[in-house]
Amino acid sequence: MTEPNQQSWSAPEAEVSGQERLISLERQLALIDRVIGLEAQVAELAIADSLTPSAELAAQRQLALMRQSSAWRMGRLVTAPIRVAQRIVRRGRSA
């Protein structure tokens, strides 16, 4: 058994000054604050990216009208050989 006047042993690494502990806690709080801020930014961007149902319907209509235009069809016709070649190359790489 230990005598009452003996001090318990502690490793030098376990002894951290009050100032160092305070600095460490401040850093942790700063990181937590930054994470909370970034989470709020992500939430704002997610809301901004979502369209209302009427806006989404309008965008789909515009896309359908664009795909029916003669300029779109001519562009697809001109770029068809390139798209076919790209598909062949991709299939060759994956096989």
C-alpha atoms as a PDB file:
ATOM      1  CA  MET A   1       0.000   0.000   0.000  1.00  0.00           C
ATOM      2  CA  THR A   2       1.026   3.568  -0.497  1.00  0.00           C
ATOM      3  CA  GLU A   3       1.705   5.884   2.355  1.00  0.00           C
ATOM      4  CA  PRO A   4      -0.620   8.862   2.756  1.00  0.00           C
ATOM      5  CA  ASN A   5       2.127  11.441   2.187  1.00  0.00           C
ATOM      6  CA  GLN A   6       3.377   9.885  -1.072  1.00  0.00           C
ATOM      7  CA  GLN A   7       2.307  11.483  -4.353  1.00  0.00           C
ATOM      8  CA  SER A   8       0.888   9.354  -7.164  1.00  0.00           C
ATOM      9  CA  TRP A   9       2.994   8.963 -10.271  1.00  0.00           C
ATOM     10  CA  SER A  10       1.920  10.631 -13.503  1.00  0.00           C
ATOM     11  CA  ALA A  11       3.600  10.607 -16.882  1.00  0.00           C
ATOM     12  CA  PRO A  12       5.135  13.849 -18.177  1.00  0.00           C
ATOM     13  CA  GLU A  13       2.859  13.688 -21.239  1.00  0.00           C
ATOM     14  CA  ALA A  14      -0.188  13.676 -18.992  1.00  0.00           C
ATOM     15  CA  GLU A  15       0.856  16.951 -17.387  1.00  0.00           C
ATOM     16  CA  VAL A  16      -0.473  19.724 -19.584  1.00  0.00           C
ATOM     17  CA  SER A  17      -0.306  23.294 -18.449  1.00  0.00           C
ATOM     18  CA  GLY A  18      -3.481  25.250 -18.098  1.00  0.00           C
ATOM     19  CA  GLN A  19      -2.464  27.579 -20.920  1.00  0.00           C
ATOM     20  CA  GLU A  20      -1.884  24.690 -23.373  1.00  0.00           C
ATOM     21  CA  ARG A  21      -5.210  23.131 -22.410  1.00  0.00           C
ATOM     22  CA  LEU A  22      -6.960  26.453 -22.984  1.00  0.00           C
ATOM     23  CA  ILE A  23      -5.368  26.834 -26.428  1.00  0.00           C
ATOM     24  CA  SER A  24      -6.407  23.295 -27.336  1.00  0.00           C
ATOM     25  CA  LEU A  25      -9.995  23.929 -26.263  1.00  0.00           C
ATOM     26  CA  GLU A  26     -10.086  27.189 -28.238  1.00  0.00           C
ATOM     27  CA  ARG A  27      -8.910  25.350 -31.356  1.00  0.00           C
ATOM     28  CA  GLN A  28     -11.584  22.711 -30.881  1.00  0.00           C
ATOM     29  CA  LEU A  29     -14.258  25.388 -30.510  1.00  0.00           C
ATOM     30  CA  ALA A  30     -12.995  27.154 -33.638  1.00  0.00           C
ATOM     31  CA  LEU A  31     -13.186  23.893 -35.603  1.00  0.00           C
ATOM     32  CA  ILE A  32     -16.677  23.155 -34.319  1.00  0.00           C
ATOM     33  CA  ASP A  33     -17.761  26.677 -35.261  1.00  0.00           C
ATOM     34  CA  ARG A  34     -16.325  26.235 -38.744  1.00  0.00           C
ATOM     35  CA  VAL A  35     -18.104  22.889 -39.223  1.00  0.00           C
ATOM     36  CA  ILE A  36     -21.416  24.396 -38.140  1.00  0.00           C
ATOM     37  CA  GLY A  37     -20.907  27.274 -40.578  1.00  0.00           C
ATOM     38  CA  LEU A  38     -20.099  24.914 -43.443  1.00  0.00           C
ATOM     39  CA  GLU A  39     -23.154  22.787 -42.662  1.00  0.00           C
ATOM     40  CA  ALA A  40     -25.306  25.925 -42.844  1.00  0.00           C
ATOM     41  CA  GLN A  41     -23.742  26.837 -46.203  1.00  0.00           C
ATOM     42  CA  VAL A  42     -24.474  23.366 -47.585  1.00  0.00           C
ATOM     43  CA  ALA A  43     -28.085  23.624 -46.428  1.00  0.00           C
ATOM     44  CA  GLU A  44     -28.464  27.034 -48.107  1.00  0.00           C
ATOM     45  CA  LEU A  45     -27.007  25.742 -51.369  1.00  0.00           C
ATOM     46  CA  ALA A  46     -29.263  22.692 -51.323  1.00  0.00           C
ATOM     47  CA  ILE A  47     -32.303  24.926 -50.953  1.00  0.00           C
ATOM     48  CA  ALA A  48     -31.114  27.316 -53.673  1.00  0.00           C
ATOM     49  CA  ASP A  49     -30.513  24.467 -56.132  1.00  0.00           C
ATOM     50  CA  SER A  50     -33.963  22.978 -55.799  1.00  0.00           C
ATOM     51  CA  LEU A  51     -36.603  24.308 -58.164  1.00  0.00           C
ATOM     52  CA  THR A  52     -40.226  24.843 -57.367  1.00  0.00           C
ATOM     53  CA  PRO A  53     -42.557  22.456 -59.193  1.00  0.00           C
ATOM     54  CA  SER A  54     -43.728  25.203 -61.557  1.00  0.00           C
ATOM     55  CA  ALA A  55     -40.149  26.266 -62.330  1.00  0.00           C
ATOM     56  CA  GLU A  56     -39.170  22.640 -62.959  1.00  0.00           C
ATOM     57  CA  LEU A  57     -42.113  22.192 -65.320  1.00  0.00           C
ATOM     58  CA  ALA A  58     -41.170  25.368 -67.201  1.00  0.00           C
ATOM     59  CA  ALA A  59     -37.569  24.145 -67.540  1.00  0.00           C
ATOM     60  CA  GLN A  60     -38.762  20.786 -68.893  1.00  0.00           C
ATOM     61  CA  ARG A  61     -40.953  22.545 -71.451  1.00  0.00           C
ATOM     62  CA  GLN A  62     -38.055  24.722 -72.596  1.00  0.00           C
ATOM     63  CA  LEU A  63     -35.849  21.652 -72.922  1.00  0.00           C
ATOM     64  CA  ALA A  64     -38.499  19.859 -74.994  1.00  0.00           C
ATOM     65  CA  LEU A  65     -38.881  22.883 -77.273  1.00  0.00           C
ATOM     66  CA  MET A  66     -35.111  23.130 -77.708  1.00  0.00           C
ATOM     67  CA  ARG A  67     -34.837  19.444 -78.634  1.00  0.00           C
ATOM     68  CA  GLN A  68     -37.558  19.883 -81.258  1.00  0.00           C
ATOM     69  CA  SER A  69     -35.757  22.784 -82.923  1.00  0.00           C
ATOM     70  CA  SER A  70     -34.027  22.308 -86.255  1.00  0.00           C
ATOM     71  CA  ALA A  71     -30.742  23.684 -84.874  1.00  0.00           C
ATOM     72  CA  TRP A  72     -30.679  20.984 -82.187  1.00  0.00           C
ATOM     73  CA  ARG A  73     -31.425  18.231 -84.676  1.00  0.00           C
ATOM     74  CA  MET A  74     -28.759  19.478 -87.102  1.00  0.00           C
ATOM     75  CA  GLY A  75     -26.201  19.660 -84.321  1.00  0.00           C
ATOM     76  CA  ARG A  76     -26.999  16.095 -83.265  1.00  0.00           C
ATOM     77  CA  LEU A  77     -26.650  14.953 -86.877  1.00  0.00           C
ATOM     78  CA  VAL A  78     -23.274  16.668 -87.300  1.00  0.00           C
ATOM     79  CA  THR A  79     -21.876  15.341 -84.010  1.00  0.00           C
ATOM     80  CA  ALA A  80     -23.228  11.784 -84.408  1.00  0.00           C
ATOM     81  CA  PRO A  81     -20.001  10.296 -85.875  1.00  0.00           C
ATOM     82  CA  ILE A  82     -17.954  11.747 -83.009  1.00  0.00           C
ATOM     83  CA  ARG A  83     -20.362  10.379 -80.394  1.00  0.00           C
ATOM     84  CA  VAL A  84     -20.292   6.927 -81.990  1.00  0.00           C
ATOM     85  CA  ALA A  85     -16.488   6.947 -82.045  1.00  0.00           C
ATOM     86  CA  GLN A  86     -16.392   7.948 -78.377  1.00  0.00           C
ATOM     87  CA  ARG A  87     -18.699   5.053 -77.451  1.00  0.00           C
ATOM     88  CA  ILE A  88     -16.493   2.598 -79.339  1.00  0.00           C
ATOM     89  CA  VAL A  89     -13.377   3.893 -77.578  1.00  0.00           C
ATOM     90  CA  ARG A  90     -15.066   3.664 -74.153  1.00  0.00           C
ATOM     91  CA  ARG A  91     -16.188   0.095 -74.819  1.00  0.00           C
ATOM     92  CA  GLY A  92     -12.695  -0.821 -75.958  1.00  0.00           C
ATOM     93  CA  ARG A  93     -11.170   0.565 -72.759  1.00  0.00           C
ATOM     94  CA  SER A  94     -13.633  -1.174 -70.439  1.00  0.00           C
ATOM     95  CA  ALA A  95     -13.298  -4.573 -72.147  1.00  0.00           C
END
